[in-house]
Amino acid sequence: MTLVKNSNNSFKLNYEPKMRFVVLSGKEPFLLSEYTKQIIENLKKEFSSIDQIIFDGKNTSPIEILDEARTWGLLGNHKLVVVDGADELLKDTKEFNVRHLFEKYASEPNQDTTMLFRSSVWRKGNLDKAIISNGGMVFLIPNVNENFASAWCQKRSFSKYQINIS
């Protein structure tokens, strides 16, 4: 998988349940939420049941998140570990080079866990390379403009409700 820049304003998320590390980055909360729902739906189709754990990246230790990601889910379910504010989590501390910790995890992710980082901004680096080279995805959501919003609403109203709007 490659870094998805969406320069052609394609907002389609090409997520596959075999991906064990995914980054969703963008300033539009609605799209972050929609893409997260798509990931959850795909995981449920693949694994029938998942355990979902959500962390706040600003107020959680990277060790706590990595410990959760490395352990098995309740009753053997696949686990989805969501980190909101991942950009805040990845700031180095006196104790840890945080990006390096997650680079190591991304190089050998737990196959029973999907790690999902959500952030409003994303800083490229070695973490991207580790995620992508191990079958994951970094999805940079383009900013929404009026034309996109209008086209999306028209398309969505037809695909979900079979109603044409103009």
Foldseek 3Di string as FASTA:
>chain_A
DAEAPCPVQDLDDPDALQQQEEEEAAQDPVSVVVVVVVNVVRLCVVQVDEAEAEEELQPDALVVQVVVQQDADVVRAQYEYEYEAVVNNCDDDPVDNSLVVLLVCLQPGDSSYHYYYYYHDDDDDSSNVSSVVSPYYYYYNDDDDPVNVVVVVQVCCCVPPVDGDD
